[in-house]
Amino acid sequence: MTYAGVWPRVQHVPGLGGVVVEGNSFEAWYEGEHARLIASLVLVAGDLELARDAVDEACLRAFMRWPRVGAMASPSGYVYKIALHEVFRRQRRTARERQFLAWRARVGEVPPPAGEAWELVRALPPRQRAAIVLRYVSDLTEPEIARVLGVSRGTVSSNLADARRALARQLAADDDLEHDHG
């Protein structure tokens, strides 16, 4: 069905709070077209909720501009175009979000630099762990680590020494377990 010539000039009817298009209000147009627009958009979007949201957004925009939209040769074509753009915009955004989340997940999956030993480092208290990583993975000096962590060089030295002792104890304990069960 073509809408050319179906939507004649717009008339404002004072006191009714709406716009009437020679007997056809926005509400009448909406009731007649809303379901068809959603059905069409579902086929494009492949997602009923996305189609509904896009059509509703487009209909809201049409309602806000009804004097101009209602006078168009094809208000439904205009609304369909707006809804289609909304579908594409949301799909692009969703794709970008997925890409970001996939990237973020990959960053979190960086393999540990020392295999099982890395699990021991993860078990250290946060400051000791940070000091060990910055010293032995990032290859920073103690003064550089102090600046990064916002502490004194003495605190960095102390954290590194405590971390090394804790790691040595844990490695010795693990070694003892291997010899006992080996």
Foldseek 3Di string as FASTA:
>chain_A
DFQAPVQAAKDDDPPPPFIDRPNRTLVNVCVVPVVVQLVVVCVVLVDSVLSNVLLVVLSVVCRVVVNVLSNDSDSPVSSSVSSVVSSVVVVVVVVVVVVVVVVVVVVVVDDDPPPPLVVLLVPDPPLLSQLCCCCPVVVDDLVVSCVVVVHDSVVSVVSPVVSVVSSVVVVVVVVVVVVVVD
